[in-house]
């Protein structure tokens, strides 16, 4: 591997770490502001996906 390949991989790793960190931060902030409701649950409830899912016993 040459220096450019290593630099590219390091840049990719840093970018992914920043993306994950921002996602976790946004998720925690959203949950704090919406009384513990997560983003996915809110989206699924708003689009009536949870109503369509029937649990079968």
PDB file of N, CA and C in Angstrom:
ATOM      1  N   UNK A   1       0.853  -1.191   0.000  1.00  0.00           N
ATOM      2  CA  UNK A   1       0.000   0.000   0.000  1.00  0.00           C
ATOM      3  C   UNK A   1       0.889   1.241   0.000  1.00  0.00           C
ATOM      4  N   UNK A   2       0.502   2.165  -0.818  1.00  0.00           N
ATOM      5  CA  UNK A   2       1.260   3.406  -0.843  1.00  0.00           C
ATOM      6  C   UNK A   2       0.621   4.416   0.108  1.00  0.00           C
ATOM      7  N   UNK A   3       1.249   5.559   0.236  1.00  0.00           N
ATOM      8  CA  UNK A   3       0.815   6.577   1.200  1.00  0.00           C
ATOM      9  C   UNK A   3      -0.580   7.107   0.869  1.00  0.00           C
ATOM     10  N   UNK A   4      -0.913   7.213  -0.420  1.00  0.00           N
ATOM     11  CA  UNK A   4      -2.234   7.734  -0.793  1.00  0.00           C
ATOM     12  C   UNK A   4      -3.351   6.783  -0.382  1.00  0.00           C
ATOM     13  N   UNK A   5      -3.128   5.497  -0.504  1.00  0.00           N
ATOM     14  CA  UNK A   5      -4.133   4.510  -0.096  1.00  0.00           C
ATOM     15  C   UNK A   5      -4.351   4.548   1.409  1.00  0.00           C
ATOM     16  N   UNK A   6      -3.260   4.641   2.160  1.00  0.00           N
ATOM     17  CA  UNK A   6      -3.368   4.705   3.618  1.00  0.00           C
ATOM     18  C   UNK A   6      -4.097   5.974   4.038  1.00  0.00           C
ATOM     19  N   UNK A   7      -3.757   7.103   3.406  1.00  0.00           N
ATOM     20  CA  UNK A   7      -4.421   8.370   3.731  1.00  0.00           C
ATOM     21  C   UNK A   7      -5.913   8.299   3.409  1.00  0.00           C
ATOM     22  N   UNK A   8      -6.254   7.656   2.307  1.00  0.00           N
ATOM     23  CA  UNK A   8      -7.661   7.502   1.945  1.00  0.00           C
ATOM     24  C   UNK A   8      -8.423   6.659   2.952  1.00  0.00           C
ATOM     25  N   UNK A   9      -7.825   5.571   3.394  1.00  0.00           N
ATOM     26  CA  UNK A   9      -8.470   4.719   4.389  1.00  0.00           C
ATOM     27  C   UNK A   9      -8.619   5.420   5.730  1.00  0.00           C
ATOM     28  N   UNK A  10      -7.593   6.184   6.109  1.00  0.00           N
ATOM     29  CA  UNK A  10      -7.671   6.942   7.365  1.00  0.00           C
ATOM     30  C   UNK A  10      -8.777   7.992   7.265  1.00  0.00           C
ATOM     31  N   UNK A  11      -8.866   8.672   6.138  1.00  0.00           N
ATOM     32  CA  UNK A  11      -9.924   9.665   5.941  1.00  0.00           C
ATOM     33  C   UNK A  11     -11.307   9.038   5.979  1.00  0.00           C
ATOM     34  N   UNK A  12     -11.441   7.872   5.370  1.00  0.00           N
ATOM     35  CA  UNK A  12     -12.715   7.158   5.401  1.00  0.00           C
ATOM     36  C   UNK A  12     -13.086   6.769   6.823  1.00  0.00           C
ATOM     37  N   UNK A  13     -12.123   6.256   7.579  1.00  0.00           N
ATOM     38  CA  UNK A  13     -12.383   5.849   8.962  1.00  0.00           C
ATOM     39  C   UNK A  13     -12.788   7.049   9.818  1.00  0.00           C
ATOM     40  N   UNK A  14     -12.099   8.167   9.659  1.00  0.00           N
ATOM     41  CA  UNK A  14     -12.432   9.370  10.427  1.00  0.00           C
ATOM     42  C   UNK A  14     -13.829   9.857  10.059  1.00  0.00           C
ATOM     43  N   UNK A  15     -14.142   9.858   8.779  1.00  0.00           N
ATOM     44  CA  UNK A  15     -15.465  10.286   8.337  1.00  0.00           C
ATOM     45  C   UNK A  15     -16.571   9.415   8.900  1.00  0.00           C
ATOM     46  N   UNK A  16     -16.365   8.112   8.906  1.00  0.00           N
ATOM     47  CA  UNK A  16     -17.364   7.206   9.465  1.00  0.00           C
ATOM     48  C   UNK A  16     -17.526   7.390  10.969  1.00  0.00           C
ATOM     49  N   UNK A  17     -16.426   7.616  11.667  1.00  0.00           N
ATOM     50  CA  UNK A  17     -16.505   7.863  13.110  1.00  0.00           C
ATOM     51  C   UNK A  17     -17.288   9.136  13.407  1.00  0.00           C
ATOM     52  N   UNK A  18     -17.052  10.180  12.631  1.00  0.00           N
ATOM     53  CA  UNK A  18     -17.782  11.437  12.823  1.00  0.00           C
ATOM     54  C   UNK A  18     -19.269  11.225  12.537  1.00  0.00           C
ATOM     55  N   UNK A  19     -19.594  10.483  11.487  1.00  0.00           N
ATOM     56  CA  UNK A  19     -20.988  10.210  11.151  1.00  0.00           C
ATOM     57  C   UNK A  19     -21.691   9.448  12.274  1.00  0.00           C
ATOM     58  N   UNK A  20     -21.039   8.433  12.806  1.00  0.00           N
ATOM     59  CA  UNK A  20     -21.631   7.653  13.898  1.00  0.00           C
ATOM     60  C   UNK A  20     -21.801   8.510  15.146  1.00  0.00           C
ATOM     61  N   UNK A  21     -20.786   9.312  15.469  1.00  0.00           N
ATOM     62  CA  UNK A  21     -20.862  10.164  16.654  1.00  0.00           C
ATOM     63  C   UNK A  21     -22.000  11.177  16.531  1.00  0.00           C
ATOM     64  N   UNK A  22     -22.154  11.789  15.369  1.00  0.00           N
ATOM     65  CA  UNK A  22     -23.245  12.747  15.180  1.00  0.00           C
ATOM     66  C   UNK A  22     -24.599  12.065  15.235  1.00  0.00           C
ATOM     67  N   UNK A  23     -24.704  10.867  14.704  1.00  0.00           N
ATOM     68  CA  UNK A  23     -25.968  10.132  14.745  1.00  0.00           C
ATOM     69  C   UNK A  23     -26.362   9.809  16.183  1.00  0.00           C
ATOM     70  N   UNK A  24     -25.400   9.361  16.976  1.00  0.00           N
ATOM     71  CA  UNK A  24     -25.679   9.046  18.380  1.00  0.00           C
ATOM     72  C   UNK A  24     -26.079  10.312  19.127  1.00  0.00           C
ATOM     73  N   UNK A  25     -25.374  11.403  18.895  1.00  0.00           N
ATOM     74  CA  UNK A  25     -25.681  12.664  19.561  1.00  0.00           C
ATOM     75  C   UNK A  25     -27.081  13.147  19.194  1.00  0.00           C
ATOM     76  N   UNK A  26     -27.434  13.105  17.904  1.00  0.00           N
ATOM     77  CA  UNK A  26     -28.758  13.539  17.459  1.00  0.00           C
ATOM     78  C   UNK A  26     -29.850  12.646  18.041  1.00  0.00           C
ATOM     79  N   UNK A  27     -29.590  11.346  18.086  1.00  0.00           N
ATOM     80  CA  UNK A  27     -30.581  10.419  18.621  1.00  0.00           C
ATOM     81  C   UNK A  27     -30.842  10.687  20.101  1.00  0.00           C
ATOM     82  N   UNK A  28     -29.784  10.903  20.855  1.00  0.00           N
ATOM     83  CA  UNK A  28     -29.945  11.190  22.289  1.00  0.00           C
ATOM     84  C   UNK A  28     -30.647  12.515  22.509  1.00  0.00           C
ATOM     85  N   UNK A  29     -30.322  13.520  21.711  1.00  0.00           N
ATOM     86  CA  UNK A  29     -30.967  14.825  21.839  1.00  0.00           C
ATOM     87  C   UNK A  29     -32.452  14.720  21.506  1.00  0.00           C
ATOM     88  N   UNK A  30     -32.778  14.011  20.435  1.00  0.00           N
ATOM     89  CA  UNK A  30     -34.178  13.838  20.041  1.00  0.00           C
ATOM     90  C   UNK A  30     -34.953  13.114  21.128  1.00  0.00           C
ATOM     91  N   UNK A  31     -34.357  12.048  21.663  1.00  0.00           N
ATOM     92  CA  UNK A  31     -35.029  11.269  22.705  1.00  0.00           C
ATOM     93  C   UNK A  31     -35.269  12.114  23.953  1.00  0.00           C
ATOM     94  N   UNK A  32     -34.301  12.964  24.305  1.00  0.00           N
ATOM     95  CA  UNK A  32     -34.439  13.829  25.473  1.00  0.00           C
ATOM     96  C   UNK A  32     -35.552  14.853  25.258  1.00  0.00           C
ATOM     97  N   UNK A  33     -35.663  15.393  24.044  1.00  0.00           N
ATOM     98  CA  UNK A  33     -36.655  16.424  23.766  1.00  0.00           C
ATOM     99  C   UNK A  33     -38.056  15.864  23.552  1.00  0.00           C
ATOM    100  N   UNK A  34     -38.179  14.583  23.256  1.00  0.00           N
ATOM    101  CA  UNK A  34     -39.480  13.988  22.968  1.00  0.00           C
ATOM    102  C   UNK A  34     -39.879  12.925  23.985  1.00  0.00           C
ATOM    103  N   UNK A  35     -39.525  13.130  25.216  1.00  0.00           N
ATOM    104  CA  UNK A  35     -39.953  12.280  26.337  1.00  0.00           C
ATOM    105  C   UNK A  35     -39.643  10.808  26.139  1.00  0.00           C
ATOM    106  N   UNK A  36     -38.466  10.511  25.654  1.00  0.00           N
ATOM    107  CA  UNK A  36     -38.021   9.133  25.556  1.00  0.00           C
ATOM    108  C   UNK A  36     -38.417   8.411  24.288  1.00  0.00           C
ATOM    109  N   UNK A  37     -39.177   9.063  23.403  1.00  0.00           N
ATOM    110  CA  UNK A  37     -39.564   8.413  22.154  1.00  0.00           C
ATOM    111  C   UNK A  37     -38.430   8.519  21.151  1.00  0.00           C
ATOM    112  N   UNK A  38     -38.030   7.402  20.583  1.00  0.00           N
ATOM    113  CA  UNK A  38     -36.951   7.401  19.612  1.00  0.00           C
ATOM    114  C   UNK A  38     -37.403   7.881  18.245  1.00  0.00           C
ATOM    115  N   UNK A  39     -36.434   8.237  17.401  1.00  0.00           N
ATOM    116  CA  UNK A  39     -36.738   8.728  16.058  1.00  0.00           C
ATOM    117  C   UNK A  39     -37.463   7.688  15.221  1.00  0.00           C
ATOM    118  N   UNK A  40     -36.975   6.440  15.267  1.00  0.00           N
ATOM    119  CA  UNK A  40     -37.579   5.392  14.442  1.00  0.00           C
ATOM    120  C   UNK A  40     -39.016   5.116  14.877  1.00  0.00           C
ATOM    121  N   UNK A  41     -39.256   5.057  16.184  1.00  0.00           N
ATOM    122  CA  UNK A  41     -40.610   4.816  16.667  1.00  0.00           C
ATOM    123  C   UNK A  41     -41.533   5.952  16.245  1.00  0.00           C
ATOM    124  N   UNK A  42     -41.057   7.179  16.341  1.00  0.00           N
ATOM    125  CA  UNK A  42     -41.852   8.335  15.943  1.00  0.00           C
ATOM    126  C   UNK A  42     -42.195   8.267  14.452  1.00  0.00           C
ATOM    127  N   UNK A  43     -41.201   7.958  13.621  1.00  0.00           N
ATOM    128  CA  UNK A  43     -41.421   7.890  12.178  1.00  0.00           C
ATOM    129  C   UNK A  43     -42.397   6.772  11.834  1.00  0.00           C
ATOM    130  N   UNK A  44     -42.196   5.603  12.444  1.00  0.00           N
ATOM    131  CA  UNK A  44     -43.075   4.471  12.165  1.00  0.00           C
ATOM    132  C   UNK A  44     -44.506   4.759  12.608  1.00  0.00           C
ATOM    133  N   UNK A  45     -44.675   5.413  13.747  1.00  0.00           N
ATOM    134  CA  UNK A  45     -46.011   5.740  14.228  1.00  0.00           C
ATOM    135  C   UNK A  45     -46.665   6.801  13.345  1.00  0.00           C
ATOM    136  N   UNK A  46     -45.914   7.790  12.906  1.00  0.00           N
ATOM    137  CA  UNK A  46     -46.461   8.842  12.056  1.00  0.00           C
ATOM    138  C   UNK A  46     -46.906   8.310  10.705  1.00  0.00           C
ATOM    139  N   UNK A  47     -46.219   7.306  10.176  1.00  0.00           N
ATOM    140  CA  UNK A  47     -46.557   6.761   8.869  1.00  0.00           C
ATOM    141  C   UNK A  47     -47.438   5.518   8.975  1.00  0.00           C
ATOM    142  N   UNK A  48     -47.995   5.280  10.169  1.00  0.00           N
ATOM    143  CA  UNK A  48     -48.950   4.206  10.417  1.00  0.00           C
ATOM    144  C   UNK A  48     -48.404   2.821  10.083  1.00  0.00           C
ATOM    145  N   UNK A  49     -47.101   2.666  10.156  1.00  0.00           N
ATOM    146  CA  UNK A  49     -46.507   1.353   9.912  1.00  0.00           C
ATOM    147  C   UNK A  49     -46.807   0.427  11.078  1.00  0.00           C
ATOM    148  N   UNK A  50     -46.805   0.988  12.285  1.00  0.00           N
ATOM    149  CA  UNK A  50     -47.062   0.159  13.460  1.00  0.00           C
ATOM    150  C   UNK A  50     -48.497  -0.361  13.471  1.00  0.00           C
ATOM    151  N   UNK A  51     -49.422   0.399  12.878  1.00  0.00           N
ATOM    152  CA  UNK A  51     -50.818  -0.047  12.821  1.00  0.00           C
ATOM    153  C   UNK A  51     -50.978  -1.244  11.888  1.00  0.00           C
ATOM    154  N   UNK A  52     -50.167  -1.283  10.837  1.00  0.00           N
ATOM    155  CA  UNK A  52     -50.283  -2.357   9.839  1.00  0.00           C
ATOM    156  C   UNK A  52     -49.649  -3.658  10.302  1.00  0.00           C
ATOM    157  N   UNK A  53     -48.751  -3.564  11.250  1.00  0.00           N
ATOM    158  CA  UNK A  53     -48.061  -4.773  11.719  1.00  0.00           C
ATOM    159  C   UNK A  53     -48.942  -5.456  12.772  1.00  0.00           C
ATOM    160  N   UNK A  54     -49.468  -6.602  12.422  1.00  0.00           N
ATOM    161  CA  UNK A  54     -50.309  -7.354  13.350  1.00  0.00           C
ATOM    162  C   UNK A  54     -49.494  -8.487  13.948  1.00  0.00           C
ATOM    163  N   UNK A  55     -49.563  -8.589  15.237  1.00  0.00           N
ATOM    164  CA  UNK A  55     -48.850  -9.682  15.895  1.00  0.00           C
ATOM    165  C   UNK A  55     -49.717 -10.924  15.883  1.00  0.00           C
ATOM    166  N   UNK A  56     -49.156 -11.998  15.429  1.00  0.00           N
ATOM    167  CA  UNK A  56     -49.893 -13.253  15.376  1.00  0.00           C
ATOM    168  C   UNK A  56     -49.359 -14.185  16.444  1.00  0.00           C
ATOM    169  N   UNK A  57     -50.259 -14.737  17.191  1.00  0.00           N
ATOM    170  CA  UNK A  57     -49.858 -15.632  18.274  1.00  0.00           C
ATOM    171  C   UNK A  57     -50.004 -17.057  17.851  1.00  0.00           C
TER     172      UNK A  57
END
